[in-house]
Amino acid sequence: PVKPAPRSICLLRLSALGDAVHALALVRDLQR
């Protein structure tokens, strides 16, 4: 079964700079 779209999302990634850049790619996927 297809899961319903979330109504709110929290992402926890504190560090580091490079990993924040990697996580940003995920954020862009979520926004799409």
PDB file of all heavy atoms in Angstrom:
ATOM      1  N   PRO A   1       0.822  -1.218   0.000  1.00  0.00           N
ATOM      2  CA  PRO A   1       0.000   0.000   0.000  1.00  0.00           C
ATOM      3  C   PRO A   1       0.849   1.258   0.000  1.00  0.00           C
ATOM      4  O   PRO A   1       1.920   1.299   0.599  1.00  0.00           O
ATOM      5  CB  PRO A   1      -0.792  -0.131   1.304  1.00  0.00           C
ATOM      6  CG  PRO A   1       0.027  -1.039   2.169  1.00  0.00           C
ATOM      7  CD  PRO A   1       0.684  -2.005   1.239  1.00  0.00           C
ATOM      8  N   VAL A   2       0.350   2.278  -0.674  1.00  0.00           N
ATOM      9  CA  VAL A   2       1.054   3.547  -0.731  1.00  0.00           C
ATOM     10  C   VAL A   2       0.811   4.302   0.572  1.00  0.00           C
ATOM     11  O   VAL A   2      -0.338   4.448   1.018  1.00  0.00           O
ATOM     12  CB  VAL A   2       0.576   4.389  -1.932  1.00  0.00           C
ATOM     13  CG1 VAL A   2       1.263   5.741  -1.931  1.00  0.00           C
ATOM     14  CG2 VAL A   2       0.839   3.648  -3.233  1.00  0.00           C
ATOM     15  N   LYS A   3       1.872   4.753   1.206  1.00  0.00           N
ATOM     16  CA  LYS A   3       1.736   5.484   2.452  1.00  0.00           C
ATOM     17  C   LYS A   3       1.328   6.923   2.158  1.00  0.00           C
ATOM     18  O   LYS A   3       1.778   7.516   1.177  1.00  0.00           O
ATOM     19  CB  LYS A   3       3.042   5.440   3.238  1.00  0.00           C
ATOM     20  CG  LYS A   3       3.410   4.041   3.720  1.00  0.00           C
ATOM     21  CD  LYS A   3       4.665   4.048   4.570  1.00  0.00           C
ATOM     22  CE  LYS A   3       4.976   2.647   5.075  1.00  0.00           C
ATOM     23  NZ  LYS A   3       6.200   2.593   5.904  1.00  0.00           N
ATOM     24  N   PRO A   4       0.461   7.491   2.997  1.00  0.00           N
ATOM     25  CA  PRO A   4       0.056   8.887   2.765  1.00  0.00           C
ATOM     26  C   PRO A   4       1.238   9.835   2.921  1.00  0.00           C
ATOM     27  O   PRO A   4       2.179   9.569   3.671  1.00  0.00           O
ATOM     28  CB  PRO A   4      -0.990   9.124   3.855  1.00  0.00           C
ATOM     29  CG  PRO A   4      -0.679   8.121   4.926  1.00  0.00           C
ATOM     30  CD  PRO A   4      -0.144   6.917   4.211  1.00  0.00           C
ATOM     31  N   ALA A   5       1.177  10.944   2.195  1.00  0.00           N
ATOM     32  CA  ALA A   5       2.250  11.935   2.283  1.00  0.00           C
ATOM     33  C   ALA A   5       2.295  12.524   3.684  1.00  0.00           C
ATOM     34  O   ALA A   5       1.254  12.775   4.301  1.00  0.00           O
ATOM     35  CB  ALA A   5       2.014  13.046   1.261  1.00  0.00           C
ATOM     36  N   PRO A   6       3.485  12.752   4.207  1.00  0.00           N
ATOM     37  CA  PRO A   6       3.584  13.367   5.536  1.00  0.00           C
ATOM     38  C   PRO A   6       3.101  14.808   5.494  1.00  0.00           C
ATOM     39  O   PRO A   6       3.229  15.503   4.494  1.00  0.00           O
ATOM     40  CB  PRO A   6       5.083  13.297   5.840  1.00  0.00           C
ATOM     41  CG  PRO A   6       5.747  13.227   4.504  1.00  0.00           C
ATOM     42  CD  PRO A   6       4.804  12.466   3.628  1.00  0.00           C
ATOM     43  N   ARG A   7       2.549  15.242   6.606  1.00  0.00           N
ATOM     44  CA  ARG A   7       2.093  16.638   6.707  1.00  0.00           C
ATOM     45  C   ARG A   7       3.176  17.549   7.269  1.00  0.00           C
ATOM     46  O   ARG A   7       3.081  18.773   7.158  1.00  0.00           O
ATOM     47  CB  ARG A   7       0.840  16.706   7.579  1.00  0.00           C
ATOM     48  CG  ARG A   7      -0.382  16.055   6.947  1.00  0.00           C
ATOM     49  CD  ARG A   7      -1.503  15.925   7.948  1.00  0.00           C
ATOM     50  NE  ARG A   7      -1.131  15.025   9.047  1.00  0.00           N
ATOM     51  CZ  ARG A   7      -1.903  14.755  10.092  1.00  0.00           C
ATOM     52  NH1 ARG A   7      -3.096  15.321  10.187  1.00  0.00           N
ATOM     53  NH2 ARG A   7      -1.490  13.935  11.035  1.00  0.00           N
ATOM     54  N   SER A   8       4.195  16.952   7.900  1.00  0.00           N
ATOM     55  CA  SER A   8       5.326  17.721   8.418  1.00  0.00           C
ATOM     56  C   SER A   8       6.514  16.782   8.559  1.00  0.00           C
ATOM     57  O   SER A   8       6.355  15.596   8.878  1.00  0.00           O
ATOM     58  CB  SER A   8       4.986  18.355   9.775  1.00  0.00           C
ATOM     59  OG  SER A   8       4.630  17.356  10.724  1.00  0.00           O
ATOM     60  N   ILE A   9       7.709  17.325   8.326  1.00  0.00           N
ATOM     61  CA  ILE A   9       8.930  16.526   8.351  1.00  0.00           C
ATOM     62  C   ILE A   9       9.975  17.252   9.181  1.00  0.00           C
ATOM     63  O   ILE A   9      10.190  18.460   9.005  1.00  0.00           O
ATOM     64  CB  ILE A   9       9.483  16.296   6.929  1.00  0.00           C
ATOM     65  CG1 ILE A   9       8.465  15.555   6.059  1.00  0.00           C
ATOM     66  CG2 ILE A   9      10.806  15.528   6.964  1.00  0.00           C
ATOM     67  CD1 ILE A   9       8.848  15.501   4.584  1.00  0.00           C
ATOM     68  N   CYS A  10      10.631  16.518  10.065  1.00  0.00           N
ATOM     69  CA  CYS A  10      11.778  17.049  10.792  1.00  0.00           C
ATOM     70  C   CYS A  10      13.002  16.219  10.418  1.00  0.00           C
ATOM     71  O   CYS A  10      12.946  14.976  10.398  1.00  0.00           O
ATOM     72  CB  CYS A  10      11.547  16.997  12.295  1.00  0.00           C
ATOM     73  SG  CYS A  10      12.889  17.731  13.271  1.00  0.00           S
ATOM     74  N   LEU A  11      14.067  16.896  10.127  1.00  0.00           N
ATOM     75  CA  LEU A  11      15.332  16.251   9.766  1.00  0.00           C
ATOM     76  C   LEU A  11      16.345  16.593  10.848  1.00  0.00           C
ATOM     77  O   LEU A  11      16.486  17.759  11.209  1.00  0.00           O
ATOM     78  CB  LEU A  11      15.770  16.752   8.395  1.00  0.00           C
ATOM     79  CG  LEU A  11      17.001  16.166   7.715  1.00  0.00           C
ATOM     80  CD1 LEU A  11      16.876  16.360   6.208  1.00  0.00           C
ATOM     81  CD2 LEU A  11      18.284  16.843   8.185  1.00  0.00           C
ATOM     82  N   LEU A  12      17.034  15.581  11.367  1.00  0.00           N
ATOM     83  CA  LEU A  12      18.081  15.810  12.362  1.00  0.00           C
ATOM     84  C   LEU A  12      19.422  15.422  11.757  1.00  0.00           C
ATOM     85  O   LEU A  12      19.702  14.253  11.514  1.00  0.00           O
ATOM     86  CB  LEU A  12      17.821  14.979  13.614  1.00  0.00           C
ATOM     87  CG  LEU A  12      18.912  14.991  14.691  1.00  0.00           C
ATOM     88  CD1 LEU A  12      19.076  16.392  15.280  1.00  0.00           C
ATOM     89  CD2 LEU A  12      18.615  13.994  15.795  1.00  0.00           C
ATOM     90  N   ARG A  13      20.234  16.438  11.470  1.00  0.00           N
ATOM     91  CA  ARG A  13      21.622  16.247  11.041  1.00  0.00           C
ATOM     92  C   ARG A  13      22.379  17.462  11.519  1.00  0.00           C
ATOM     93  O   ARG A  13      22.207  18.566  10.987  1.00  0.00           O
ATOM     94  CB  ARG A  13      21.741  16.081   9.524  1.00  0.00           C
ATOM     95  CG  ARG A  13      23.176  15.854   9.053  1.00  0.00           C
ATOM     96  CD  ARG A  13      23.706  14.483   9.402  1.00  0.00           C
ATOM     97  NE  ARG A  13      25.158  14.453   9.546  1.00  0.00           N
ATOM     98  CZ  ARG A  13      25.882  13.348   9.639  1.00  0.00           C
ATOM     99  NH1 ARG A  13      25.290  12.172   9.595  1.00  0.00           N
ATOM    100  NH2 ARG A  13      27.174  13.399   9.797  1.00  0.00           N
ATOM    101  N   LEU A  14      23.197  17.270  12.528  1.00  0.00           N
ATOM    102  CA  LEU A  14      23.861  18.395  13.173  1.00  0.00           C
ATOM    103  C   LEU A  14      25.148  18.807  12.477  1.00  0.00           C
ATOM    104  O   LEU A  14      25.487  19.987  12.432  1.00  0.00           O
ATOM    105  CB  LEU A  14      24.155  18.046  14.629  1.00  0.00           C
ATOM    106  CG  LEU A  14      22.948  17.617  15.475  1.00  0.00           C
ATOM    107  CD1 LEU A  14      23.405  17.232  16.881  1.00  0.00           C
ATOM    108  CD2 LEU A  14      21.911  18.725  15.532  1.00  0.00           C
ATOM    109  N   SER A  15      25.915  17.853  11.999  1.00  0.00           N
ATOM    110  CA  SER A  15      27.237  18.146  11.444  1.00  0.00           C
ATOM    111  C   SER A  15      27.560  17.093  10.406  1.00  0.00           C
ATOM    112  O   SER A  15      26.899  16.058  10.314  1.00  0.00           O
ATOM    113  CB  SER A  15      28.288  18.145  12.571  1.00  0.00           C
ATOM    114  OG  SER A  15      28.301  16.874  13.216  1.00  0.00           O
ATOM    115  N   ALA A  16      28.567  17.307   9.599  1.00  0.00           N
ATOM    116  CA  ALA A  16      29.449  18.474   9.515  1.00  0.00           C
ATOM    117  C   ALA A  16      29.108  19.200   8.228  1.00  0.00           C
ATOM    118  O   ALA A  16      28.110  18.883   7.574  1.00  0.00           O
ATOM    119  CB  ALA A  16      30.905  18.020   9.523  1.00  0.00           C
ATOM    120  N   LEU A  17      29.956  20.171   7.820  1.00  0.00           N
ATOM    121  CA  LEU A  17      29.616  20.974   6.647  1.00  0.00           C
ATOM    122  C   LEU A  17      29.379  20.117   5.408  1.00  0.00           C
ATOM    123  O   LEU A  17      28.406  20.311   4.674  1.00  0.00           O
ATOM    124  CB  LEU A  17      30.719  21.996   6.373  1.00  0.00           C
ATOM    125  CG  LEU A  17      30.896  23.107   7.402  1.00  0.00           C
ATOM    126  CD1 LEU A  17      32.117  23.959   7.065  1.00  0.00           C
ATOM    127  CD2 LEU A  17      29.653  23.985   7.481  1.00  0.00           C
ATOM    128  N   GLY A  18      30.282  19.168   5.165  1.00  0.00           N
ATOM    129  CA  GLY A  18      30.127  18.330   3.988  1.00  0.00           C
ATOM    130  C   GLY A  18      28.867  17.491   4.039  1.00  0.00           C
ATOM    131  O   GLY A  18      28.147  17.340   3.036  1.00  0.00           O
ATOM    132  N   ASP A  19      28.560  16.960   5.219  1.00  0.00           N
ATOM    133  CA  ASP A  19      27.359  16.146   5.346  1.00  0.00           C
ATOM    134  C   ASP A  19      26.098  16.989   5.267  1.00  0.00           C
ATOM    135  O   ASP A  19      25.046  16.512   4.827  1.00  0.00           O
ATOM    136  CB  ASP A  19      27.404  15.365   6.659  1.00  0.00           C
ATOM    137  CG  ASP A  19      28.400  14.213   6.604  1.00  0.00           C
ATOM    138  OD1 ASP A  19      28.658  13.705   5.503  1.00  0.00           O
ATOM    139  OD2 ASP A  19      28.932  13.837   7.660  1.00  0.00           O
ATOM    140  N   ALA A  20      26.176  18.242   5.677  1.00  0.00           N
ATOM    141  CA  ALA A  20      25.034  19.143   5.498  1.00  0.00           C
ATOM    142  C   ALA A  20      24.758  19.343   4.006  1.00  0.00           C
ATOM    143  O   ALA A  20      23.602  19.405   3.583  1.00  0.00           O
ATOM    144  CB  ALA A  20      25.298  20.480   6.180  1.00  0.00           C
ATOM    145  N   VAL A  21      25.807  19.424   3.215  1.00  0.00           N
ATOM    146  CA  VAL A  21      25.638  19.551   1.763  1.00  0.00           C
ATOM    147  C   VAL A  21      24.993  18.281   1.209  1.00  0.00           C
ATOM    148  O   VAL A  21      24.099  18.342   0.352  1.00  0.00           O
ATOM    149  CB  VAL A  21      26.988  19.832   1.089  1.00  0.00           C
ATOM    150  CG1 VAL A  21      26.856  19.790  -0.430  1.00  0.00           C
ATOM    151  CG2 VAL A  21      27.530  21.191   1.527  1.00  0.00           C
ATOM    152  N   HIS A  22      25.445  17.119   1.680  1.00  0.00           N
ATOM    153  CA  HIS A  22      24.832  15.869   1.238  1.00  0.00           C
ATOM    154  C   HIS A  22      23.358  15.816   1.633  1.00  0.00           C
ATOM    155  O   HIS A  22      22.498  15.389   0.847  1.00  0.00           O
ATOM    156  CB  HIS A  22      25.565  14.676   1.860  1.00  0.00           C
ATOM    157  CG  HIS A  22      26.973  14.526   1.385  1.00  0.00           C
ATOM    158  ND1 HIS A  22      28.000  14.125   2.208  1.00  0.00           N
ATOM    159  CD2 HIS A  22      27.530  14.713   0.174  1.00  0.00           C
ATOM    160  CE1 HIS A  22      29.126  14.084   1.523  1.00  0.00           C
ATOM    161  NE2 HIS A  22      28.862  14.440   0.289  1.00  0.00           N
ATOM    162  N   ALA A  23      23.057  16.232   2.863  1.00  0.00           N
ATOM    163  CA  ALA A  23      21.678  16.195   3.328  1.00  0.00           C
ATOM    164  C   ALA A  23      20.800  17.174   2.550  1.00  0.00           C
ATOM    165  O   ALA A  23      19.596  16.942   2.383  1.00  0.00           O
ATOM    166  CB  ALA A  23      21.619  16.505   4.823  1.00  0.00           C
ATOM    167  N   LEU A  24      21.387  18.261   2.067  1.00  0.00           N
ATOM    168  CA  LEU A  24      20.622  19.223   1.271  1.00  0.00           C
ATOM    169  C   LEU A  24      20.052  18.565   0.022  1.00  0.00           C
ATOM    170  O   LEU A  24      18.920  18.873  -0.391  1.00  0.00           O
ATOM    171  CB  LEU A  24      21.507  20.415   0.893  1.00  0.00           C
ATOM    172  CG  LEU A  24      20.874  21.463  -0.021  1.00  0.00           C
ATOM    173  CD1 LEU A  24      19.594  22.033   0.570  1.00  0.00           C
ATOM    174  CD2 LEU A  24      21.871  22.579  -0.321  1.00  0.00           C
ATOM    175  N   ALA A  25      20.801  17.643  -0.581  1.00  0.00           N
ATOM    176  CA  ALA A  25      20.277  16.939  -1.757  1.00  0.00           C
ATOM    177  C   ALA A  25      19.013  16.158  -1.399  1.00  0.00           C
ATOM    178  O   ALA A  25      18.059  16.087  -2.186  1.00  0.00           O
ATOM    179  CB  ALA A  25      21.347  16.009  -2.326  1.00  0.00           C
ATOM    180  N   LEU A  26      18.992  15.573  -0.207  1.00  0.00           N
ATOM    181  CA  LEU A  26      17.798  14.879   0.263  1.00  0.00           C
ATOM    182  C   LEU A  26      16.643  15.865   0.449  1.00  0.00           C
ATOM    183  O   LEU A  26      15.498  15.569   0.076  1.00  0.00           O
ATOM    184  CB  LEU A  26      18.102  14.166   1.573  1.00  0.00           C
ATOM    185  CG  LEU A  26      16.903  13.610   2.332  1.00  0.00           C
ATOM    186  CD1 LEU A  26      16.374  12.366   1.647  1.00  0.00           C
ATOM    187  CD2 LEU A  26      17.261  13.309   3.780  1.00  0.00           C
ATOM    188  N   VAL A  27      16.941  17.022   1.013  1.00  0.00           N
ATOM    189  CA  VAL A  27      15.901  18.028   1.213  1.00  0.00           C
ATOM    190  C   VAL A  27      15.279  18.424  -0.120  1.00  0.00           C
ATOM    191  O   VAL A  27      14.046  18.555  -0.233  1.00  0.00           O
ATOM    192  CB  VAL A  27      16.476  19.260   1.938  1.00  0.00           C
ATOM    193  CG1 VAL A  27      15.505  20.438   1.894  1.00  0.00           C
ATOM    194  CG2 VAL A  27      16.817  18.905   3.381  1.00  0.00           C
ATOM    195  N   ARG A  28      16.104  18.582  -1.135  1.00  0.00           N
ATOM    196  CA  ARG A  28      15.558  18.945  -2.451  1.00  0.00           C
ATOM    197  C   ARG A  28      14.657  17.839  -2.996  1.00  0.00           C
ATOM    198  O   ARG A  28      13.634  18.107  -3.651  1.00  0.00           O
ATOM    199  CB  ARG A  28      16.698  19.253  -3.423  1.00  0.00           C
ATOM    200  CG  ARG A  28      17.532  20.482  -3.047  1.00  0.00           C
ATOM    201  CD  ARG A  28      16.694  21.711  -2.848  1.00  0.00           C
ATOM    202  NE  ARG A  28      17.503  22.926  -2.701  1.00  0.00           N
ATOM    203  CZ  ARG A  28      17.025  24.083  -2.262  1.00  0.00           C
ATOM    204  NH1 ARG A  28      15.757  24.200  -1.911  1.00  0.00           N
ATOM    205  NH2 ARG A  28      17.817  25.141  -2.156  1.00  0.00           N
ATOM    206  N   ASP A  29      15.020  16.574  -2.744  1.00  0.00           N
ATOM    207  CA  ASP A  29      14.146  15.468  -3.136  1.00  0.00           C
ATOM    208  C   ASP A  29      12.809  15.550  -2.414  1.00  0.00           C
ATOM    209  O   ASP A  29      11.744  15.333  -3.010  1.00  0.00           O
ATOM    210  CB  ASP A  29      14.816  14.128  -2.803  1.00  0.00           C
ATOM    211  CG  ASP A  29      15.823  13.685  -3.847  1.00  0.00           C
ATOM    212  OD1 ASP A  29      15.498  13.706  -5.040  1.00  0.00           O
ATOM    213  OD2 ASP A  29      16.942  13.310  -3.464  1.00  0.00           O
ATOM    214  N   LEU A  30      12.856  15.839  -1.111  1.00  0.00           N
ATOM    215  CA  LEU A  30      11.625  15.944  -0.337  1.00  0.00           C
ATOM    216  C   LEU A  30      10.748  17.084  -0.843  1.00  0.00           C
ATOM    217  O   LEU A  30       9.518  16.954  -0.921  1.00  0.00           O
ATOM    218  CB  LEU A  30      11.961  16.163   1.142  1.00  0.00           C
ATOM    219  CG  LEU A  30      12.634  14.994   1.872  1.00  0.00           C
ATOM    220  CD1 LEU A  30      13.103  15.440   3.256  1.00  0.00           C
ATOM    221  CD2 LEU A  30      11.695  13.807   1.982  1.00  0.00           C
ATOM    222  N   GLN A  31      11.372  18.197  -1.195  1.00  0.00           N
ATOM    223  CA  GLN A  31      10.598  19.337  -1.686  1.00  0.00           C
ATOM    224  C   GLN A  31       9.940  19.032  -3.024  1.00  0.00           C
ATOM    225  O   GLN A  31       8.822  19.494  -3.289  1.00  0.00           O
ATOM    226  CB  GLN A  31      11.496  20.565  -1.792  1.00  0.00           C
ATOM    227  CG  GLN A  31      11.913  21.126  -0.426  1.00  0.00           C
ATOM    228  CD  GLN A  31      12.875  22.287  -0.535  1.00  0.00           C
ATOM    229  OE1 GLN A  31      13.734  22.310  -1.413  1.00  0.00           O
ATOM    230  NE2 GLN A  31      12.751  23.255   0.364  1.00  0.00           N
ATOM    231  N   ARG A  32      10.630  18.258  -3.866  1.00  0.00           N
ATOM    232  CA  ARG A  32      10.017  17.858  -5.142  1.00  0.00           C
ATOM    233  C   ARG A  32       8.855  16.903  -4.918  1.00  0.00           C
ATOM    234  O   ARG A  32       7.820  16.993  -5.585  1.00  0.00           O
ATOM    235  CB  ARG A  32      11.053  17.207  -6.054  1.00  0.00           C
ATOM    236  CG  ARG A  32      12.040  18.158  -6.697  1.00  0.00           C
ATOM    237  CD  ARG A  32      12.744  17.499  -7.876  1.00  0.00           C
ATOM    238  NE  ARG A  32      13.519  16.324  -7.453  1.00  0.00           N
ATOM    239  CZ  ARG A  32      14.815  16.349  -7.159  1.00  0.00           C
ATOM    240  NH1 ARG A  32      15.482  17.496  -7.225  1.00  0.00           N
ATOM    241  NH2 ARG A  32      15.441  15.254  -6.800  1.00  0.00           N
TER     242      ARG A  32
END
